[in-house]
Amino acid sequence: MRFERNTESLIFVNMDLQTEKIDLVQLLLNTDNKSVLNKVRDILVKSAAEDETQYLLSTEANRKHLSRSLAQLDKGKSKAIKTAALWK
């Protein structure tokens, strides 16, 4: 795919991407091959995790904070909490 500066081309490229997604969904719906479905799931989960990691490491401040947090964890300076407490 290519990206161009004018708005019409960006819209066209985006529509092309949507068409590809729809085509992929149709292929997935038409397969009964569990191995293929598992491989696609694994790829998408791995990609999402990589995206999240890239985001978390995207700024110097985030990298420093994560590094300090991991160091605290290694020193046993952590506190167990119930996940339900996160939304209170």
Protein backbone atom coordinates (compact mmCIF):
# COMPACT_ATOMS: atom_id res chain seq x y z
CA MET A 1 0.00 0.00 0.00
CA ARG A 2 1.08 3.52 -0.56
CA PHE A 3 0.24 6.74 1.21
CA GLU A 4 0.00 10.00 -0.62
CA ARG A 5 -0.48 13.52 0.60
CA ASN A 6 -3.81 14.45 -0.91
CA THR A 7 -6.96 13.54 0.99
CA GLU A 8 -8.58 11.55 -1.82
CA SER A 9 -5.66 9.11 -1.97
CA LEU A 10 -5.64 8.60 1.78
CA ILE A 11 -9.34 7.82 1.72
CA PHE A 12 -8.82 5.40 -1.17
CA VAL A 13 -5.98 3.63 0.62
CA ASN A 14 -8.07 3.40 3.79
CA MET A 15 -11.01 1.98 1.86
CA ASP A 16 -8.66 -0.55 0.28
CA LEU A 17 -7.51 -1.58 3.76
CA GLN A 18 -11.13 -2.01 4.85
CA THR A 19 -11.78 -4.19 1.80
CA GLU A 20 -8.79 -6.35 2.70
CA LYS A 21 -10.10 -6.73 6.25
CA ILE A 22 -13.54 -7.76 4.99
CA ASP A 23 -11.96 -10.27 2.60
CA LEU A 24 -9.92 -11.73 5.46
CA VAL A 25 -12.99 -12.02 7.69
CA GLN A 26 -14.84 -13.84 4.91
CA LEU A 27 -11.95 -16.29 4.52
CA LEU A 28 -11.91 -16.91 8.27
CA LEU A 29 -15.65 -17.48 8.35
CA ASN A 30 -15.39 -20.01 5.53
CA THR A 31 -12.62 -22.13 7.03
CA ASP A 32 -13.09 -25.11 9.29
CA ASN A 33 -9.36 -25.55 9.77
CA LYS A 34 -8.78 -25.05 13.51
CA SER A 35 -5.02 -24.83 12.97
CA VAL A 36 -5.42 -21.86 10.62
CA LEU A 37 -7.72 -20.10 13.08
CA ASN A 38 -5.27 -20.69 15.95
CA LYS A 39 -2.38 -19.33 13.87
CA VAL A 40 -4.32 -16.20 12.93
CA ARG A 41 -5.31 -15.68 16.57
CA ASP A 42 -1.68 -16.11 17.68
CA ILE A 43 -0.48 -13.58 15.10
CA LEU A 44 -3.09 -11.01 16.13
CA VAL A 45 -2.46 -11.47 19.87
CA LYS A 46 1.31 -11.19 19.37
CA SER A 47 0.85 -8.08 17.22
CA ALA A 48 -1.36 -6.44 19.85
CA ALA A 49 1.18 -7.21 22.58
CA GLU A 50 3.98 -5.74 20.46
CA ASP A 51 1.92 -2.61 19.81
CA GLU A 52 1.28 -2.22 23.54
CA THR A 53 4.97 -2.68 24.33
CA GLN A 54 5.96 -0.12 21.71
CA TYR A 55 3.47 2.34 23.19
CA LEU A 56 4.71 1.77 26.74
CA LEU A 57 8.31 2.31 25.64
CA SER A 58 7.52 5.22 23.32
CA THR A 59 8.77 8.00 25.62
CA GLU A 60 11.80 8.38 27.84
CA ALA A 61 9.55 9.07 30.84
CA ASN A 62 7.65 5.81 30.30
CA ARG A 63 10.88 3.83 29.87
CA LYS A 64 12.29 5.25 33.13
CA HIS A 65 9.07 4.60 35.03
CA LEU A 66 8.89 1.01 33.80
CA SER A 67 12.54 0.44 34.63
CA ARG A 68 12.05 1.74 38.18
CA SER A 69 8.93 -0.37 38.59
CA LEU A 70 10.70 -3.53 37.44
CA ALA A 71 13.61 -2.80 39.80
CA GLN A 72 11.15 -2.44 42.71
CA LEU A 73 9.52 -5.73 41.74
CA ASP A 74 12.92 -7.47 41.62
CA LYS A 75 13.63 -6.17 45.15
CA GLY A 76 10.34 -7.59 46.41
CA LYS A 77 8.78 -4.17 46.81
CA SER A 78 5.39 -5.06 45.41
CA LYS A 79 1.90 -5.23 46.80
CA ALA A 80 -0.72 -7.79 45.85
CA ILE A 81 -4.14 -6.36 45.07
CA LYS A 82 -7.37 -7.84 43.85
CA THR A 83 -8.26 -6.79 40.32
CA ALA A 84 -11.69 -5.68 41.47
CA ALA A 85 -9.95 -3.01 43.58
CA LEU A 86 -8.60 -1.41 40.42
CA TRP A 87 -12.04 -0.14 39.43
CA LYS A 88 -13.11 1.26 42.80
